[in-house]
PDB file of N, CA and C in Angstrom:
ATOM      1  N   MET A   1      96.298  71.714 113.252  1.00  0.00           N
ATOM      2  CA  MET A   1      95.205  72.406 112.623  1.00  0.00           C
ATOM      3  C   MET A   1      94.687  71.533 111.472  1.00  0.00           C
ATOM      4  N   LEU A   2      93.403  71.462 111.326  1.00  0.00           N
ATOM      5  CA  LEU A   2      92.780  70.665 110.284  1.00  0.00           C
ATOM      6  C   LEU A   2      92.937  71.335 108.920  1.00  0.00           C
ATOM      7  N   ASP A   3      92.970  70.511 107.869  1.00  0.00           N
ATOM      8  CA  ASP A   3      93.103  71.047 106.512  1.00  0.00           C
ATOM      9  C   ASP A   3      91.978  72.038 106.202  1.00  0.00           C
ATOM     10  N   TYR A   4      90.765  71.719 106.612  1.00  0.00           N
ATOM     11  CA  TYR A   4      89.632  72.603 106.346  1.00  0.00           C
ATOM     12  C   TYR A   4      89.882  73.984 106.949  1.00  0.00           C
ATOM     13  N   ASP A   5      90.363  74.019 108.190  1.00  0.00           N
ATOM     14  CA  ASP A   5      90.647  75.299 108.850  1.00  0.00           C
ATOM     15  C   ASP A   5      91.748  76.064 108.126  1.00  0.00           C
ATOM     16  N   ARG A   6      92.775  75.367 107.724  1.00  0.00           N
ATOM     17  CA  ARG A   6      93.875  76.008 106.986  1.00  0.00           C
ATOM     18  C   ARG A   6      93.370  76.613 105.676  1.00  0.00           C
ATOM     19  N   LEU A   7      92.501  75.890 104.981  1.00  0.00           N
ATOM     20  CA  LEU A   7      91.959  76.377 103.720  1.00  0.00           C
ATOM     21  C   LEU A   7      91.093  77.623 103.929  1.00  0.00           C
ATOM     22  N   ILE A   8      90.307  77.634 104.965  1.00  0.00           N
ATOM     23  CA  ILE A   8      89.466  78.802 105.271  1.00  0.00           C
ATOM     24  C   ILE A   8      90.345  80.005 105.585  1.00  0.00           C
ATOM     25  N   ILE A   9      91.344  79.819 106.430  1.00  0.00           N
ATOM     26  CA  ILE A   9      92.244  80.915 106.796  1.00  0.00           C
ATOM     27  C   ILE A   9      92.977  81.433 105.564  1.00  0.00           C
ATOM     28  N   ALA A  10      93.479  80.537 104.734  1.00  0.00           N
ATOM     29  CA  ALA A  10      94.203  80.954 103.526  1.00  0.00           C
ATOM     30  C   ALA A  10      93.282  81.709 102.577  1.00  0.00           C
ATOM     31  N   SER A  11      92.053  81.258 102.430  1.00  0.00           N
ATOM     32  CA  SER A  11      91.147  81.874 101.461  1.00  0.00           C
ATOM     33  C   SER A  11      90.827  83.333 101.786  1.00  0.00           C
ATOM     34  N   VAL A  12      90.808  83.699 103.045  1.00  0.00           N
ATOM     35  CA  VAL A  12      90.521  85.099 103.388  1.00  0.00           C
ATOM     36  C   VAL A  12      91.745  85.998 103.234  1.00  0.00           C
ATOM     37  N   HIS A  13      92.902  85.406 102.989  1.00  0.00           N
ATOM     38  CA  HIS A  13      94.120  86.196 102.810  1.00  0.00           C
ATOM     39  C   HIS A  13      94.576  86.275 101.347  1.00  0.00           C
ATOM     40  N   LEU A  14      93.796  85.749 100.445  1.00  0.00           N
ATOM     41  CA  LEU A  14      94.135  85.807  99.024  1.00  0.00           C
ATOM     42  C   LEU A  14      93.847  87.202  98.489  1.00  0.00           C
ATOM     43  N   ASP A  15      94.616  87.586  97.468  1.00  0.00           N
ATOM     44  CA  ASP A  15      94.369  88.882  96.852  1.00  0.00           C
ATOM     45  C   ASP A  15      94.688  88.844  95.367  1.00  0.00           C
ATOM     46  N   GLN A  16      94.372  89.919  94.697  1.00  0.00           N
ATOM     47  CA  GLN A  16      94.639  90.150  93.278  1.00  0.00           C
ATOM     48  C   GLN A  16      94.187  88.988  92.413  1.00  0.00           C
ATOM     49  N   ASP A  17      95.073  88.444  91.602  1.00  0.00           N
ATOM     50  CA  ASP A  17      94.722  87.416  90.629  1.00  0.00           C
ATOM     51  C   ASP A  17      94.348  86.087  91.264  1.00  0.00           C
ATOM     52  N   VAL A  18      94.717  85.900  92.512  1.00  0.00           N
ATOM     53  CA  VAL A  18      94.487  84.608  93.156  1.00  0.00           C
ATOM     54  C   VAL A  18      93.015  84.430  93.544  1.00  0.00           C
ATOM     55  N   ILE A  19      92.315  85.505  93.833  1.00  0.00           N
ATOM     56  CA  ILE A  19      90.910  85.394  94.258  1.00  0.00           C
ATOM     57  C   ILE A  19      90.043  84.755  93.176  1.00  0.00           C
ATOM     58  N   PRO A  20      90.033  85.307  91.952  1.00  0.00           N
ATOM     59  CA  PRO A  20      89.180  84.648  90.939  1.00  0.00           C
ATOM     60  C   PRO A  20      89.622  83.221  90.631  1.00  0.00           C
ATOM     61  N   TRP A  21      90.925  82.966  90.670  1.00  0.00           N
ATOM     62  CA  TRP A  21      91.430  81.608  90.462  1.00  0.00           C
ATOM     63  C   TRP A  21      90.871  80.673  91.536  1.00  0.00           C
ATOM     64  N   PHE A  22      90.957  81.090  92.792  1.00  0.00           N
ATOM     65  CA  PHE A  22      90.485  80.277  93.906  1.00  0.00           C
ATOM     66  C   PHE A  22      88.978  80.025  93.789  1.00  0.00           C
ATOM     67  N   GLN A  23      88.216  81.070  93.443  1.00  0.00           N
ATOM     68  CA  GLN A  23      86.770  80.921  93.305  1.00  0.00           C
ATOM     69  C   GLN A  23      86.420  79.938  92.190  1.00  0.00           C
ATOM     70  N   MET A  24      87.140  80.042  91.070  1.00  0.00           N
ATOM     71  CA  MET A  24      86.908  79.122  89.954  1.00  0.00           C
ATOM     72  C   MET A  24      87.228  77.683  90.366  1.00  0.00           C
ATOM     73  N   MET A  25      88.365  77.511  91.027  1.00  0.00           N
ATOM     74  CA  MET A  25      88.772  76.172  91.445  1.00  0.00           C
ATOM     75  C   MET A  25      87.789  75.584  92.461  1.00  0.00           C
ATOM     76  N   GLN A  26      87.307  76.401  93.373  1.00  0.00           N
ATOM     77  CA  GLN A  26      86.372  75.921  94.385  1.00  0.00           C
ATOM     78  C   GLN A  26      85.040  75.501  93.763  1.00  0.00           C
ATOM     79  N   ARG A  27      84.628  76.226  92.727  1.00  0.00           N
ATOM     80  CA  ARG A  27      83.369  75.859  92.062  1.00  0.00           C
ATOM     81  C   ARG A  27      83.528  74.562  91.262  1.00  0.00           C
ATOM     82  N   ALA A  28      84.666  74.418  90.607  1.00  0.00           N
ATOM     83  CA  ALA A  28      84.888  73.252  89.748  1.00  0.00           C
ATOM     84  C   ALA A  28      85.186  71.987  90.548  1.00  0.00           C
ATOM     85  N   ASN A  29      86.082  72.114  91.517  1.00  0.00           N
ATOM     86  CA  ASN A  29      86.510  70.956  92.297  1.00  0.00           C
ATOM     87  C   ASN A  29      87.088  71.462  93.622  1.00  0.00           C
ATOM     88  N   PRO A  30      86.239  71.643  94.626  1.00  0.00           N
ATOM     89  CA  PRO A  30      86.694  72.260  95.880  1.00  0.00           C
ATOM     90  C   PRO A  30      87.887  71.539  96.503  1.00  0.00           C
ATOM     91  N   PHE A  31      88.775  72.343  97.041  1.00  0.00           N
ATOM     92  CA  PHE A  31      89.942  71.791  97.730  1.00  0.00           C
ATOM     93  C   PHE A  31      89.508  71.153  99.036  1.00  0.00           C
ATOM     94  N   SER A  32      89.951  69.936  99.251  1.00  0.00           N
ATOM     95  CA  SER A  32      89.661  69.240 100.500  1.00  0.00           C
ATOM     96  C   SER A  32      90.903  69.064 101.349  1.00  0.00           C
ATOM     97  N   PHE A  33      92.055  69.129 100.694  1.00  0.00           N
ATOM     98  CA  PHE A  33      93.307  68.890 101.400  1.00  0.00           C
ATOM     99  C   PHE A  33      94.281  70.036 101.179  1.00  0.00           C
ATOM    100  N   TRP A  34      94.980  70.378 102.239  1.00  0.00           N
ATOM    101  CA  TRP A  34      95.932  71.474 102.217  1.00  0.00           C
ATOM    102  C   TRP A  34      97.019  71.254 101.164  1.00  0.00           C
ATOM    103  N   HIS A  35      97.567  70.055 101.090  1.00  0.00           N
ATOM    104  CA  HIS A  35      98.647  69.786 100.142  1.00  0.00           C
ATOM    105  C   HIS A  35      98.174  69.909  98.690  1.00  0.00           C
ATOM    106  N   VAL A  36      96.916  69.599  98.425  1.00  0.00           N
ATOM    107  CA  VAL A  36      96.374  69.744  97.069  1.00  0.00           C
ATOM    108  C   VAL A  36      96.265  71.224  96.717  1.00  0.00           C
ATOM    109  N   PHE A  37      95.787  72.016  97.663  1.00  0.00           N
ATOM    110  CA  PHE A  37      95.674  73.467  97.462  1.00  0.00           C
ATOM    111  C   PHE A  37      97.040  74.105  97.236  1.00  0.00           C
ATOM    112  N   THR A  38      98.018  73.799  98.089  1.00  0.00           N
ATOM    113  CA  THR A  38      99.332  74.430  97.957  1.00  0.00           C
ATOM    114  C   THR A  38     100.013  74.010  96.659  1.00  0.00           C
ATOM    115  N   ARG A  39      99.837  72.770  96.247  1.00  0.00           N
ATOM    116  CA  ARG A  39     100.441  72.318  94.984  1.00  0.00           C
ATOM    117  C   ARG A  39      99.798  73.027  93.799  1.00  0.00           C
ATOM    118  N   ALA A  40      98.477  73.167  93.805  1.00  0.00           N
ATOM    119  CA  ALA A  40      97.770  73.872  92.728  1.00  0.00           C
ATOM    120  C   ALA A  40      98.196  75.343  92.678  1.00  0.00           C
ATOM    121  N   LEU A  41      98.356  75.939  93.829  1.00  0.00           N
ATOM    122  CA  LEU A  41      98.805  77.331  93.918  1.00  0.00           C
ATOM    123  C   LEU A  41     100.211  77.480  93.346  1.00  0.00           C
ATOM    124  N   GLU A  42     101.093  76.570  93.697  1.00  0.00           N
ATOM    125  CA  GLU A  42     102.466  76.596  93.171  1.00  0.00           C
ATOM    126  C   GLU A  42     102.486  76.435  91.658  1.00  0.00           C
ATOM    127  N   LEU A  43     101.678  75.523  91.145  1.00  0.00           N
ATOM    128  CA  LEU A  43     101.672  75.273  89.699  1.00  0.00           C
ATOM    129  C   LEU A  43     101.159  76.475  88.910  1.00  0.00           C
ATOM    130  N   ASP A  44     100.117  77.128  89.425  1.00  0.00           N
ATOM    131  CA  ASP A  44      99.520  78.242  88.690  1.00  0.00           C
ATOM    132  C   ASP A  44     100.216  79.583  88.920  1.00  0.00           C
ATOM    133  N   PHE A  45     100.810  79.787  90.084  1.00  0.00           N
ATOM    134  CA  PHE A  45     101.372  81.103  90.397  1.00  0.00           C
ATOM    135  C   PHE A  45     102.859  81.090  90.736  1.00  0.00           C
ATOM    136  N   GLY A  46     103.431  79.924  90.864  1.00  0.00           N
ATOM    137  CA  GLY A  46     104.847  79.836  91.176  1.00  0.00           C
ATOM    138  C   GLY A  46     105.694  80.020  89.927  1.00  0.00           C
ATOM    139  N   PRO A  47     106.989  79.985  90.102  1.00  0.00           N
ATOM    140  CA  PRO A  47     107.871  80.157  88.947  1.00  0.00           C
ATOM    141  C   PRO A  47     107.780  78.985  87.989  1.00  0.00           C
ATOM    142  N   SER A  48     107.928  79.282  86.722  1.00  0.00           N
ATOM    143  CA  SER A  48     107.937  78.252  85.700  1.00  0.00           C
ATOM    144  C   SER A  48     109.281  77.542  85.716  1.00  0.00           C
ATOM    145  N   ILE A  49     109.276  76.292  85.348  1.00  0.00           N
ATOM    146  CA  ILE A  49     110.539  75.570  85.263  1.00  0.00           C
ATOM    147  C   ILE A  49     111.394  76.101  84.123  1.00  0.00           C
ATOM    148  N   TYR A  50     110.797  76.918  83.259  1.00  0.00           N
ATOM    149  CA  TYR A  50     111.513  77.471  82.123  1.00  0.00           C
ATOM    150  C   TYR A  50     112.107  78.844  82.419  1.00  0.00           C
ATOM    151  N   GLU A  51     111.809  79.405  83.573  1.00  0.00           N
ATOM    152  CA  GLU A  51     112.350  80.709  83.953  1.00  0.00           C
ATOM    153  C   GLU A  51     113.753  80.543  84.531  1.00  0.00           C
ATOM    154  N   CYS A  52     114.575  81.544  84.324  1.00  0.00           N
ATOM    155  CA  CYS A  52     115.917  81.538  84.891  1.00  0.00           C
ATOM    156  C   CYS A  52     116.122  82.879  85.583  1.00  0.00           C
ATOM    157  N   PRO A  53     115.806  82.964  86.882  1.00  0.00           N
ATOM    158  CA  PRO A  53     115.914  84.252  87.570  1.00  0.00           C
ATOM    159  C   PRO A  53     117.330  84.818  87.547  1.00  0.00           C
ATOM    160  N   ARG A  54     118.330  83.958  87.529  1.00  0.00           N
ATOM    161  CA  ARG A  54     119.716  84.436  87.520  1.00  0.00           C
ATOM    162  C   ARG A  54     120.012  85.236  86.258  1.00  0.00           C
ATOM    163  N   SER A  55     119.683  84.685  85.097  1.00  0.00           N
ATOM    164  CA  SER A  55     119.966  85.409  83.857  1.00  0.00           C
ATOM    165  C   SER A  55     119.079  86.641  83.722  1.00  0.00           C
ATOM    166  N   THR A  56     117.849  86.555  84.202  1.00  0.00           N
ATOM    167  CA  THR A  56     116.967  87.722  84.172  1.00  0.00           C
ATOM    168  C   THR A  56     117.515  88.822  85.070  1.00  0.00           C
ATOM    169  N   LEU A  57     118.045  88.446  86.225  1.00  0.00           N
ATOM    170  CA  LEU A  57     118.649  89.426  87.134  1.00  0.00           C
ATOM    171  C   LEU A  57     119.838  90.105  86.472  1.00  0.00           C
ATOM    172  N   PHE A  58     120.666  89.338  85.788  1.00  0.00           N
ATOM    173  CA  PHE A  58     121.859  89.900  85.152  1.00  0.00           C
ATOM    174  C   PHE A  58     121.510  90.816  83.981  1.00  0.00           C
ATOM    175  N   LYS A  59     120.328  90.644  83.393  1.00  0.00           N
ATOM    176  CA  LYS A  59     119.904  91.474  82.257  1.00  0.00           C
ATOM    177  C   LYS A  59     118.998  92.632  82.678  1.00  0.00           C
ATOM    178  N   LEU A  60     118.610  92.680  83.934  1.00  0.00           N
ATOM    179  CA  LEU A  60     117.654  93.678  84.406  1.00  0.00           C
ATOM    180  C   LEU A  60     118.194  95.088  84.233  1.00  0.00           C
ATOM    181  N   MET A  61     117.363  95.967  83.682  1.00  0.00           N
ATOM    182  CA  MET A  61     117.748  97.362  83.463  1.00  0.00           C
ATOM    183  C   MET A  61     116.685  98.279  84.071  1.00  0.00           C
ATOM    184  N   GLN A  62     117.134  99.392  84.602  1.00  0.00           N
ATOM    185  CA  GLN A  62     116.223 100.385  85.155  1.00  0.00           C
ATOM    186  C   GLN A  62     115.476 101.052  84.004  1.00  0.00           C
ATOM    187  N   ILE A  63     114.162 101.027  84.085  1.00  0.00           N
ATOM    188  CA  ILE A  63     113.328 101.689  83.087  1.00  0.00           C
ATOM    189  C   ILE A  63     112.609 102.871  83.733  1.00  0.00           C
ATOM    190  N   GLY A  64     112.035 102.640  84.898  1.00  0.00           N
ATOM    191  CA  GLY A  64     111.314 103.683  85.608  1.00  0.00           C
ATOM    192  C   GLY A  64     112.195 104.318  86.666  1.00  0.00           C
ATOM    193  N   ILE A  65     111.605 104.485  87.845  1.00  0.00           N
ATOM    194  CA  ILE A  65     112.342 105.100  88.944  1.00  0.00           C
ATOM    195  C   ILE A  65     113.199 104.059  89.665  1.00  0.00           C
ATOM    196  N   VAL A  66     114.168 104.537  90.411  1.00  0.00           N
ATOM    197  CA  VAL A  66     115.089 103.649  91.126  1.00  0.00           C
ATOM    198  C   VAL A  66     114.334 102.713  92.062  1.00  0.00           C
ATOM    199  N   GLY A  67     113.333 103.224  92.750  1.00  0.00           N
ATOM    200  CA  GLY A  67     112.570 102.396  93.687  1.00  0.00           C
ATOM    201  C   GLY A  67     111.930 101.194  93.012  1.00  0.00           C
ATOM    202  N   GLU A  68     111.369 101.389  91.820  1.00  0.00           N
ATOM    203  CA  GLU A  68     110.765 100.280  91.077  1.00  0.00           C
ATOM    204  C   GLU A  68     111.840  99.289  90.625  1.00  0.00           C
ATOM    205  N   TYR A  69     112.951  99.831  90.149  1.00  0.00           N
ATOM    206  CA  TYR A  69     114.063  98.976  89.721  1.00  0.00           C
ATOM    207  C   TYR A  69     114.571  98.137  90.886  1.00  0.00           C
ATOM    208  N   TYR A  70     114.703  98.756  92.043  1.00  0.00           N
ATOM    209  CA  TYR A  70     115.183  98.035  93.214  1.00  0.00           C
ATOM    210  C   TYR A  70     114.206  96.931  93.633  1.00  0.00           C
ATOM    211  N   MET A  71     112.914  97.185  93.539  1.00  0.00           N
ATOM    212  CA  MET A  71     111.928  96.152  93.877  1.00  0.00           C
ATOM    213  C   MET A  71     112.049  94.962  92.921  1.00  0.00           C
ATOM    214  N   ASP A  72     112.207  95.231  91.635  1.00  0.00           N
ATOM    215  CA  ASP A  72     112.398  94.151  90.660  1.00  0.00           C
ATOM    216  C   ASP A  72     113.704  93.410  90.947  1.00  0.00           C
ATOM    217  N   PHE A  73     114.745  94.178  91.263  1.00  0.00           N
ATOM    218  CA  PHE A  73     116.056  93.603  91.554  1.00  0.00           C
ATOM    219  C   PHE A  73     115.993  92.668  92.764  1.00  0.00           C
ATOM    220  N   THR A  74     115.363  93.114  93.849  1.00  0.00           N
ATOM    221  CA  THR A  74     115.285  92.278  95.048  1.00  0.00           C
ATOM    222  C   THR A  74     114.372  91.071  94.834  1.00  0.00           C
ATOM    223  N   SER A  75     113.326  91.255  94.053  1.00  0.00           N
ATOM    224  CA  SER A  75     112.433  90.133  93.767  1.00  0.00           C
ATOM    225  C   SER A  75     113.183  89.026  93.031  1.00  0.00           C
ATOM    226  N   LEU A  76     113.959  89.394  92.034  1.00  0.00           N
ATOM    227  CA  LEU A  76     114.749  88.398  91.301  1.00  0.00           C
ATOM    228  C   LEU A  76     115.905  87.885  92.149  1.00  0.00           C
ATOM    229  N   GLY A  77     116.575  88.793  92.854  1.00  0.00           N
ATOM    230  CA  GLY A  77     117.723  88.408  93.673  1.00  0.00           C
ATOM    231  C   GLY A  77     117.372  87.408  94.756  1.00  0.00           C
ATOM    232  N   SER A  78     116.160  87.482  95.249  1.00  0.00           N
ATOM    233  CA  SER A  78     115.742  86.554  96.303  1.00  0.00           C
ATOM    234  C   SER A  78     115.549  85.135  95.776  1.00  0.00           C
ATOM    235  N   LYS A  79     115.502  84.989  94.457  1.00  0.00           N
ATOM    236  CA  LYS A  79     115.291  83.681  93.856  1.00  0.00           C
ATOM    237  C   LYS A  79     116.592  83.029  93.384  1.00  0.00           C
ATOM    238  N   VAL A  80     117.714  83.737  93.589  1.00  0.00           N
ATOM    239  CA  VAL A  80     119.004  83.252  93.103  1.00  0.00           C
ATOM    240  C   VAL A  80     119.917  82.961  94.289  1.00  0.00           C
ATOM    241  N   ASP A  81     120.488  81.776  94.307  1.00  0.00           N
ATOM    242  CA  ASP A  81     121.412  81.382  95.367  1.00  0.00           C
ATOM    243  C   ASP A  81     122.859  81.528  94.896  1.00  0.00           C
ATOM    244  N   GLY A  82     123.749  81.745  95.850  1.00  0.00           N
ATOM    245  CA  GLY A  82     125.174  81.676  95.584  1.00  0.00           C
ATOM    246  C   GLY A  82     125.831  82.910  95.022  1.00  0.00           C
ATOM    247  N   LEU A  83     125.152  84.049  95.004  1.00  0.00           N
ATOM    248  CA  LEU A  83     125.777  85.275  94.503  1.00  0.00           C
ATOM    249  C   LEU A  83     126.449  86.014  95.655  1.00  0.00           C
ATOM    250  N   SER A  84     127.657  86.469  95.420  1.00  0.00           N
ATOM    251  CA  SER A  84     128.366  87.228  96.451  1.00  0.00           C
ATOM    252  C   SER A  84     127.804  88.645  96.526  1.00  0.00           C
ATOM    253  N   ILE A  85     128.101  89.327  97.591  1.00  0.00           N
ATOM    254  CA  ILE A  85     127.684  90.719  97.754  1.00  0.00           C
ATOM    255  C   ILE A  85     128.274  91.567  96.632  1.00  0.00           C
ATOM    256  N   ASP A  86     129.527  91.321  96.278  1.00  0.00           N
ATOM    257  CA  ASP A  86     130.170  92.075  95.194  1.00  0.00           C
ATOM    258  C   ASP A  86     129.438  91.853  93.868  1.00  0.00           C
ATOM    259  N   THR A  87     129.034  90.629  93.617  1.00  0.00           N
ATOM    260  CA  THR A  87     128.304  90.339  92.380  1.00  0.00           C
ATOM    261  C   THR A  87     126.963  91.046  92.371  1.00  0.00           C
ATOM    262  N   LEU A  88     126.256  91.012  93.500  1.00  0.00           N
ATOM    263  CA  LEU A  88     124.975  91.714  93.590  1.00  0.00           C
ATOM    264  C   LEU A  88     125.162  93.215  93.391  1.00  0.00           C
ATOM    265  N   MET A  89     126.222  93.775  93.973  1.00  0.00           N
ATOM    266  CA  MET A  89     126.502  95.199  93.816  1.00  0.00           C
ATOM    267  C   MET A  89     126.770  95.523  92.347  1.00  0.00           C
ATOM    268  N   ASP A  90     127.622  94.746  91.700  1.00  0.00           N
ATOM    269  CA  ASP A  90     127.926  94.975  90.286  1.00  0.00           C
ATOM    270  C   ASP A  90     126.678  94.856  89.419  1.00  0.00           C
ATOM    271  N   CYS A  91     125.877  93.872  89.727  1.00  0.00           N
ATOM    272  CA  CYS A  91     124.650  93.642  88.976  1.00  0.00           C
ATOM    273  C   CYS A  91     123.686  94.815  89.152  1.00  0.00           C
ATOM    274  N   PHE A  92     123.520  95.281  90.383  1.00  0.00           N
ATOM    275  CA  PHE A  92     122.634  96.413  90.652  1.00  0.00           C
ATOM    276  C   PHE A  92     123.116  97.655  89.916  1.00  0.00           C
ATOM    277  N   LEU A  93     124.394  97.948  90.038  1.00  0.00           N
ATOM    278  CA  LEU A  93     124.945  99.159  89.417  1.00  0.00           C
ATOM    279  C   LEU A  93     124.849  99.097  87.895  1.00  0.00           C
ATOM    280  N   SER A  94     125.140  97.952  87.317  1.00  0.00           N
ATOM    281  CA  SER A  94     125.133  97.854  85.855  1.00  0.00           C
ATOM    282  C   SER A  94     123.740  98.015  85.256  1.00  0.00           C
ATOM    283  N   GLY A  95     122.709  97.796  86.049  1.00  0.00           N
ATOM    284  CA  GLY A  95     121.346  97.943  85.544  1.00  0.00           C
ATOM    285  C   GLY A  95     120.777  99.341  85.683  1.00  0.00           C
ATOM    286  N   LEU A  96     121.466 100.193  86.426  1.00  0.00           N
ATOM    287  CA  LEU A  96     120.992 101.575  86.602  1.00  0.00           C
ATOM    288  C   LEU A  96     121.111 102.353  85.300  1.00  0.00           C
ATOM    289  N   LYS A  97     120.319 103.406  85.183  1.00  0.00           N
ATOM    290  CA  LYS A  97     120.474 104.304  84.043  1.00  0.00           C
ATOM    291  C   LYS A  97     121.898 104.850  84.068  1.00  0.00           C
ATOM    292  N   VAL A  98     122.455 105.107  82.893  1.00  0.00           N
ATOM    293  CA  VAL A  98     123.870 105.425  82.735  1.00  0.00           C
ATOM    294  C   VAL A  98     124.323 106.591  83.615  1.00  0.00           C
ATOM    295  N   ASP A  99     123.595 107.694  83.615  1.00  0.00           N
ATOM    296  CA  ASP A  99     124.011 108.863  84.404  1.00  0.00           C
ATOM    297  C   ASP A  99     123.992 108.571  85.900  1.00  0.00           C
ATOM    298  N   ILE A 100     122.968 107.891  86.349  1.00  0.00           N
ATOM    299  CA  ILE A 100     122.861 107.553  87.767  1.00  0.00           C
ATOM    300  C   ILE A 100     123.965 106.579  88.149  1.00  0.00           C
ATOM    301  N   CYS A 101     124.193 105.585  87.322  1.00  0.00           N
ATOM    302  CA  CYS A 101     125.236 104.589  87.584  1.00  0.00           C
ATOM    303  C   CYS A 101     126.605 105.259  87.717  1.00  0.00           C
ATOM    304  N   ARG A 102     126.911 106.143  86.807  1.00  0.00           N
ATOM    305  CA  ARG A 102     128.208 106.829  86.827  1.00  0.00           C
ATOM    306  C   ARG A 102     128.396 107.603  88.134  1.00  0.00           C
ATOM    307  N   ASP A 103     127.371 108.323  88.552  1.00  0.00           N
ATOM    308  CA  ASP A 103     127.467 109.114  89.783  1.00  0.00           C
ATOM    309  C   ASP A 103     127.582 108.227  91.018  1.00  0.00           C
ATOM    310  N   VAL A 104     126.843 107.153  91.048  1.00  0.00           N
ATOM    311  CA  VAL A 104     126.910 106.230  92.191  1.00  0.00           C
ATOM    312  C   VAL A 104     128.296 105.591  92.255  1.00  0.00           C
ATOM    313  N   GLN A 105     128.803 105.136  91.132  1.00  0.00           N
ATOM    314  CA  GLN A 105     130.126 104.516  91.112  1.00  0.00           C
ATOM    315  C   GLN A 105     131.217 105.491  91.549  1.00  0.00           C
ATOM    316  N   ALA A 106     131.059 106.758  91.210  1.00  0.00           N
ATOM    317  CA  ALA A 106     132.047 107.768  91.601  1.00  0.00           C
ATOM    318  C   ALA A 106     132.130 107.924  93.117  1.00  0.00           C
ATOM    319  N   MET A 107     131.067 107.559  93.816  1.00  0.00           N
ATOM    320  CA  MET A 107     131.038 107.669  95.276  1.00  0.00           C
ATOM    321  C   MET A 107     131.585 106.401  95.944  1.00  0.00           C
ATOM    322  N   SER A 108     131.897 105.388  95.179  1.00  0.00           N
ATOM    323  CA  SER A 108     132.449 104.113  95.671  1.00  0.00           C
ATOM    324  C   SER A 108     131.700 103.558  96.878  1.00  0.00           C
ATOM    325  N   PRO A 109     130.397 103.281  96.712  1.00  0.00           N
ATOM    326  CA  PRO A 109     129.653 102.732  97.849  1.00  0.00           C
ATOM    327  C   PRO A 109     130.208 101.366  98.257  1.00  0.00           C
ATOM    328  N   THR A 110     130.232 101.120  99.551  1.00  0.00           N
ATOM    329  CA  THR A 110     130.783  99.860 100.061  1.00  0.00           C
ATOM    330  C   THR A 110     129.713  98.827 100.369  1.00  0.00           C
ATOM    331  N   THR A 111     128.457  99.248 100.370  1.00  0.00           N
ATOM    332  CA  THR A 111     127.358  98.319 100.619  1.00  0.00           C
ATOM    333  C   THR A 111     126.262  98.551  99.588  1.00  0.00           C
ATOM    334  N   LEU A 112     125.447  97.527  99.402  1.00  0.00           N
ATOM    335  CA  LEU A 112     124.316  97.654  98.491  1.00  0.00           C
ATOM    336  C   LEU A 112     123.338  98.711  98.994  1.00  0.00           C
ATOM    337  N   ALA A 113     123.151  98.784 100.294  1.00  0.00           N
ATOM    338  CA  ALA A 113     122.241  99.782 100.868  1.00  0.00           C
ATOM    339  C   ALA A 113     122.702 101.202 100.530  1.00  0.00           C
ATOM    340  N   LYS A 114     124.005 101.438 100.602  1.00  0.00           N
ATOM    341  CA  LYS A 114     124.535 102.768 100.256  1.00  0.00           C
ATOM    342  C   LYS A 114     124.361 103.036  98.767  1.00  0.00           C
ATOM    343  N   ALA A 115     124.587 102.038  97.953  1.00  0.00           N
ATOM    344  CA  ALA A 115     124.426 102.213  96.506  1.00  0.00           C
ATOM    345  C   ALA A 115     122.983 102.573  96.159  1.00  0.00           C
ATOM    346  N   ILE A 116     122.038 101.936  96.815  1.00  0.00           N
ATOM    347  CA  ILE A 116     120.621 102.205  96.571  1.00  0.00           C
ATOM    348  C   ILE A 116     120.272 103.624  97.007  1.00  0.00           C
ATOM    349  N   ALA A 117     120.739 103.994  98.193  1.00  0.00           N
ATOM    350  CA  ALA A 117     120.464 105.335  98.697  1.00  0.00           C
ATOM    351  C   ALA A 117     121.058 106.398  97.777  1.00  0.00           C
ATOM    352  N   LEU A 118     122.272 106.173  97.315  1.00  0.00           N
ATOM    353  CA  LEU A 118     122.909 107.117  96.390  1.00  0.00           C
ATOM    354  C   LEU A 118     122.158 107.177  95.061  1.00  0.00           C
ATOM    355  N   ALA A 119     121.725 106.048  94.567  1.00  0.00           N
ATOM    356  CA  ALA A 119     120.980 106.012  93.305  1.00  0.00           C
ATOM    357  C   ALA A 119     119.704 106.846  93.423  1.00  0.00           C
ATOM    358  N   LYS A 120     119.011 106.708  94.545  1.00  0.00           N
ATOM    359  CA  LYS A 120     117.786 107.494  94.757  1.00  0.00           C
ATOM    360  C   LYS A 120     118.113 108.979  94.853  1.00  0.00           C
ATOM    361  N   LEU A 121     119.198 109.301  95.498  1.00  0.00           N
ATOM    362  CA  LEU A 121     119.625 110.695  95.634  1.00  0.00           C
ATOM    363  C   LEU A 121     119.976 111.295  94.268  1.00  0.00           C
ATOM    364  N   PHE A 122     120.787 110.587  93.494  1.00  0.00           N
ATOM    365  CA  PHE A 122     121.199 111.102  92.188  1.00  0.00           C
ATOM    366  C   PHE A 122     120.060 111.101  91.182  1.00  0.00           C
ATOM    367  N   GLU A 123     119.096 110.240  91.371  1.00  0.00           N
ATOM    368  CA  GLU A 123     117.932 110.219  90.485  1.00  0.00           C
ATOM    369  C   GLU A 123     117.260 111.582  90.466  1.00  0.00           C
ATOM    370  N   GLU A 124     117.212 112.243  91.601  1.00  0.00           N
ATOM    371  CA  GLU A 124     116.572 113.560  91.686  1.00  0.00           C
ATOM    372  C   GLU A 124     117.283 114.584  90.813  1.00  0.00           C
ATOM    373  N   ARG A 125     118.566 114.405  90.604  1.00  0.00           N
ATOM    374  CA  ARG A 125     119.347 115.320  89.773  1.00  0.00           C
ATOM    375  C   ARG A 125     118.879 115.256  88.321  1.00  0.00           C
ATOM    376  N   TYR A 126     118.575 114.062  87.860  1.00  0.00           N
ATOM    377  CA  TYR A 126     118.233 113.867  86.463  1.00  0.00           C
ATOM    378  C   TYR A 126     116.743 113.836  86.188  1.00  0.00           C
ATOM    379  N   GLU A 127     115.999 113.395  87.161  1.00  0.00           N
ATOM    380  CA  GLU A 127     114.561 113.284  86.992  1.00  0.00           C
ATOM    381  C   GLU A 127     113.867 113.717  88.276  1.00  0.00           C
ATOM    382  N   PRO A 128     113.670 115.029  88.437  1.00  0.00           N
ATOM    383  CA  PRO A 128     113.028 115.503  89.679  1.00  0.00           C
ATOM    384  C   PRO A 128     111.697 114.776  89.922  1.00  0.00           C
ATOM    385  N   ILE A 129     111.579 114.282  91.121  1.00  0.00           N
ATOM    386  CA  ILE A 129     110.367 113.511  91.464  1.00  0.00           C
ATOM    387  C   ILE A 129     109.363 114.415  92.139  1.00  0.00           C
TER     388      ILE A 129
END
């Protein structure tokens, strides 16, 4: 596939903050090569070299609902290599609100999926949705 075709296909699939960025970049200096576009995209929207997803994951705390916390947890977790299932479970549980965490731990979930399901279930006890 030609770079021009790839750029056209990619441009129709952009959303949110990327659309105005792409329009600005195209007006200033249009992308001619796929590798130039992908590198510019990585630099502007990719992770900073100063970010540490591992430490952010370990400090993550539930503020809103369990579903939002889990989305943040998986987003950060997907950027960290080398964590065992037990570590991920401990990390997930430790970030839950105290009452929910206590109830989930009392059920001794054996998988992260069970811990998440229990957290959502117990959330209703404390914060009816």
